[in-house]
Amino acid sequence: MTQANHQYLAPGFMRTLVWLTIIGSIGLVGGNIVGSIVVPNHDFVADTVSDLAAGRYEIIQDVSLYGFAVSLIALGLASSHVHSGVTRWSLLTFALVLLALCVVIIGARNEYGDGDNEGIVIHIYIVYALGILFTAVFALMALEGGRIAGFLSTVSWGCLALWSIAAPIFFILPTEWDGLWERALGVITVVWAITYAIALRQFAQANRDDTR
C-alpha cells in the first residue's frame, strides 16, 4: 500500500488511543510526584524511580508505570493504524510494543539494585533495552514523523539529541544525582509520547472519512 492511497482513519478509534496515551503519560509524572511526597525520607534528587517502585508504597509508582505502558501500547496500535507500508513503520510499531513490555517488567519485578542476588537479576538489562529502544523510536519518528506532522519530526530530532547525550551519562553519574537525572530522561519520553499523540489526533482528523 502506498502513502498516496492509504486507508481512511477511524477518528473514534484514534481519539481513544490518543487519550490513553495522554492520560498514561501524565499519570507517570503524577505518580512519581505523589510517590516522592508520600514515601518517607525519599530524596527526589538522589533516589531513583526504581526506589519508589519497591517497598510499602510501591503501588503508587507501579500503577503509574503500568499506565505509561498502556500509553506505549496505544501508540503502537496507532502506529500500525497509520502505517505507510515502509519498514521503518513496522520497526517503530514493534519497538513501542517492546518498550511497553520493558516498562511492565520493571514495574512488576521488585529488583532495584538493593543487594538482592536471589534468582535472576534482569533489571539492568531491561534498563539497557529501554535506552536502545527509545533511541530507535526517536530516530525512526524523526525520519518518518513528517508524514504525520512537521512538528513531530522536529520534536523527535530534539528528543533523539537529548536522549543520546543524557542517557549514557546516567550510568556514570554519582548516586547523589542519578534520581534527578533519571526523572529528566523520563520527561523526555513523556514529552515525545504526548507530542506523538497530538500529531496523531490532527492526522486522523485530516484523513477521516465521515461516510464510513
Protein backbone atom coordinates (compact mmCIF):
# COMPACT_ATOMS: atom_id res chain seq x y z
CA MET A 1 0.00 0.00 0.00
CA THR A 2 1.48 3.34 -0.98
CA GLN A 3 1.32 6.50 1.01
CA ALA A 4 -0.94 8.14 -1.57
CA ASN A 5 -3.75 5.61 -1.27
CA HIS A 6 -3.52 4.98 2.46
CA GLN A 7 -6.77 3.91 4.12
CA TYR A 8 -9.01 6.45 5.80
CA LEU A 9 -8.61 6.57 9.55
CA ALA A 10 -11.25 5.89 12.18
CA PRO A 11 -11.40 9.10 14.26
CA GLY A 12 -13.12 7.44 17.22
CA PHE A 13 -10.50 4.71 17.44
CA MET A 14 -7.66 7.19 17.14
CA ARG A 15 -9.26 9.52 19.69
CA THR A 16 -9.35 6.68 22.21
CA LEU A 17 -5.70 5.83 21.63
CA VAL A 18 -4.72 9.49 21.88
CA TRP A 19 -6.45 9.93 25.24
CA LEU A 20 -4.99 6.68 26.59
CA THR A 21 -1.56 7.98 25.65
CA ILE A 22 -2.04 11.39 27.22
CA ILE A 23 -3.61 10.08 30.43
CA GLY A 24 -0.96 7.39 30.87
CA SER A 25 1.86 9.85 30.23
CA ILE A 26 0.54 12.44 32.66
CA GLY A 27 -0.10 9.64 35.15
CA LEU A 28 3.56 8.64 35.02
CA VAL A 29 4.61 12.13 36.06
CA GLY A 30 1.82 12.45 38.62
CA GLY A 31 2.56 9.08 40.18
CA ASN A 32 6.19 9.97 40.58
CA ILE A 33 5.38 13.28 42.23
CA VAL A 34 2.85 11.70 44.61
CA GLY A 35 5.19 8.83 45.41
CA SER A 36 8.06 11.20 46.11
CA ILE A 37 5.86 13.06 48.60
CA VAL A 38 4.30 10.03 50.27
CA VAL A 39 7.34 7.76 50.63
CA PRO A 40 9.18 8.65 53.87
CA ASN A 41 12.72 10.01 53.52
CA HIS A 42 12.66 9.80 49.74
CA ASP A 43 15.29 12.02 48.13
CA PHE A 44 13.93 13.34 44.81
CA VAL A 45 17.45 14.08 43.58
CA ALA A 46 19.40 11.05 44.79
CA ASP A 47 16.79 8.26 44.83
CA THR A 48 15.70 6.79 41.51
CA VAL A 49 12.24 5.98 40.22
CA SER A 50 13.02 2.32 40.85
CA ASP A 51 13.37 3.08 44.56
CA LEU A 52 9.79 4.34 44.56
CA ALA A 53 8.59 1.16 42.87
CA ALA A 54 9.69 -1.00 45.80
CA GLY A 55 8.61 -1.02 49.41
CA ARG A 56 5.45 -0.16 51.28
CA TYR A 57 4.14 2.41 48.80
CA GLU A 58 5.33 0.68 45.65
CA ILE A 59 1.78 0.51 44.29
CA ILE A 60 1.84 4.26 43.52
CA GLN A 61 4.82 4.10 41.18
CA ASP A 62 3.88 0.66 39.85
CA VAL A 63 0.44 1.81 38.73
CA SER A 64 1.91 4.87 37.04
CA LEU A 65 4.43 2.66 35.23
CA TYR A 66 1.65 0.36 34.05
CA GLY A 67 -0.27 3.41 32.89
CA PHE A 68 2.69 4.54 30.80
CA ALA A 69 2.95 1.03 29.38
CA VAL A 70 -0.66 1.44 28.23
CA SER A 71 0.38 4.72 26.58
CA LEU A 72 3.14 2.95 24.67
CA ILE A 73 0.80 0.15 23.58
CA ALA A 74 -1.73 2.75 22.43
CA LEU A 75 0.97 4.46 20.36
CA GLY A 76 1.96 1.09 18.94
CA LEU A 77 -1.63 0.40 17.89
CA ALA A 78 -1.91 3.88 16.42
CA SER A 79 1.35 3.41 14.54
CA SER A 80 0.05 0.22 12.97
CA HIS A 81 -3.12 2.11 12.01
CA VAL A 82 -1.23 4.90 10.22
CA HIS A 83 1.42 2.52 8.84
CA SER A 84 2.61 3.80 5.45
CA GLY A 85 3.86 0.41 4.30
CA VAL A 86 7.57 1.07 4.76
CA THR A 87 9.83 -0.99 7.01
CA ARG A 88 10.53 1.90 9.36
CA TRP A 89 6.91 1.99 10.48
CA SER A 90 6.99 -1.74 11.22
CA LEU A 91 10.14 -1.28 13.29
CA LEU A 92 8.56 1.65 15.12
CA THR A 93 5.44 -0.35 15.93
CA PHE A 94 7.38 -3.33 17.27
CA ALA A 95 9.73 -1.07 19.25
CA LEU A 96 6.81 0.63 21.00
CA VAL A 97 5.31 -2.73 21.98
CA LEU A 98 8.68 -3.92 23.30
CA LEU A 99 9.05 -0.70 25.28
CA ALA A 100 5.67 -1.32 26.90
CA LEU A 101 6.79 -4.83 27.83
CA CYS A 102 10.01 -3.50 29.38
CA VAL A 103 8.11 -0.94 31.45
CA VAL A 104 5.72 -3.62 32.72
CA ILE A 105 8.63 -5.87 33.71
CA ILE A 106 10.30 -3.04 35.63
CA GLY A 107 7.05 -2.34 37.47
CA ALA A 108 6.31 -5.99 38.18
CA ARG A 109 9.74 -7.12 39.41
CA ASN A 110 10.90 -5.71 42.74
CA GLU A 111 14.53 -5.75 41.70
CA TYR A 112 16.20 -2.42 42.12
CA GLY A 113 19.87 -2.83 42.96
CA ASP A 114 19.15 -3.40 46.65
CA GLY A 115 21.76 -6.11 47.02
CA ASP A 116 19.26 -8.91 46.49
CA ASN A 117 21.02 -11.63 44.47
CA GLU A 118 18.27 -14.23 44.67
CA GLY A 119 17.06 -15.51 41.33
CA ILE A 120 17.94 -13.98 38.00
CA VAL A 121 18.75 -10.28 38.13
CA ILE A 122 17.49 -8.70 34.90
CA HIS A 123 16.73 -5.10 35.86
CA ILE A 124 19.92 -3.61 34.44
CA TYR A 125 19.40 -5.42 31.13
CA ILE A 126 15.86 -4.07 30.89
CA VAL A 127 17.25 -0.58 31.50
CA TYR A 128 19.74 -1.08 28.67
CA ALA A 129 16.90 -2.27 26.44
CA LEU A 130 14.86 0.83 27.30
CA GLY A 131 17.76 3.05 26.34
CA ILE A 132 18.28 1.35 23.00
CA LEU A 133 14.58 1.11 22.14
CA PHE A 134 13.81 4.75 22.94
CA THR A 135 16.80 5.77 20.82
CA ALA A 136 15.40 3.71 17.96
CA VAL A 137 11.87 5.10 18.39
CA PHE A 138 13.05 8.71 18.43
CA ALA A 139 15.25 8.14 15.37
CA LEU A 140 12.55 6.35 13.38
CA MET A 141 9.97 9.02 14.13
CA ALA A 142 12.46 11.77 13.34
CA LEU A 143 12.76 10.22 9.87
CA GLU A 144 9.10 9.33 9.35
CA GLY A 145 7.20 11.78 11.55
CA GLY A 146 6.94 14.45 8.88
CA ARG A 147 4.22 12.40 7.20
CA ILE A 148 2.09 12.78 10.33
CA ALA A 149 3.02 16.35 11.29
CA GLY A 150 6.03 18.54 10.69
CA PHE A 151 6.42 19.37 14.37
CA LEU A 152 6.50 15.66 15.24
CA SER A 153 9.67 15.16 13.24
CA THR A 154 11.24 18.26 14.79
CA VAL A 155 10.40 17.20 18.35
CA SER A 156 11.66 13.68 17.65
CA TRP A 157 15.00 15.01 16.44
CA GLY A 158 15.24 17.09 19.61
CA CYS A 159 14.37 14.14 21.84
CA LEU A 160 16.89 11.96 20.00
CA ALA A 161 19.65 14.52 20.52
CA LEU A 162 18.87 14.99 24.22
CA TRP A 163 18.44 11.26 24.83
CA SER A 164 21.64 10.29 23.00
CA ILE A 165 23.63 12.65 25.21
CA ALA A 166 21.82 12.28 28.54
CA ALA A 167 21.10 8.53 28.65
CA PRO A 168 24.75 7.35 28.63
CA ILE A 169 25.67 9.97 31.25
CA PHE A 170 23.12 8.43 33.64
CA PHE A 171 25.30 5.33 34.07
CA ILE A 172 28.34 7.31 35.21
CA LEU A 173 26.63 9.83 37.47
CA PRO A 174 27.28 9.71 41.22
CA THR A 175 24.35 8.25 43.13
CA GLU A 176 23.53 11.57 44.78
CA TRP A 177 22.38 12.92 41.39
CA ASP A 178 21.08 9.93 39.42
CA GLY A 179 17.50 10.21 40.67
CA LEU A 180 17.01 13.69 39.25
CA TRP A 181 18.77 12.75 36.01
CA GLU A 182 16.57 9.68 35.56
CA ARG A 183 13.46 11.81 36.01
CA ALA A 184 14.72 14.21 33.35
CA LEU A 185 15.08 11.26 30.97
CA GLY A 186 11.53 10.25 31.83
CA VAL A 187 10.29 13.73 30.98
CA ILE A 188 11.85 13.38 27.51
CA THR A 189 9.84 10.20 26.88
CA VAL A 190 6.63 11.78 28.19
CA VAL A 191 7.04 14.89 26.04
CA TRP A 192 7.62 12.74 22.98
CA ALA A 193 4.63 10.47 23.70
CA ILE A 194 2.23 13.39 24.17
CA THR A 195 3.59 15.13 21.08
CA TYR A 196 3.03 11.99 19.02
CA ALA A 197 -0.49 11.68 20.41
CA ILE A 198 -1.36 15.26 19.46
CA ALA A 199 0.08 14.75 15.98
CA LEU A 200 -1.95 11.55 15.56
CA ARG A 201 -5.11 13.37 16.55
CA GLN A 202 -4.54 16.03 13.91
CA PHE A 203 -3.57 13.46 11.28
CA ALA A 204 -6.69 11.39 11.97
CA GLN A 205 -8.93 14.44 11.68
CA ALA A 206 -7.34 15.39 8.36
CA ASN A 207 -7.78 11.88 6.95
CA ARG A 208 -11.16 10.94 8.36
CA ASP A 209 -13.99 9.65 6.21
CA ASP A 210 -17.36 10.58 7.69
CA THR A 211 -19.19 8.40 5.16
CA ARG A 212 -17.98 5.19 6.79
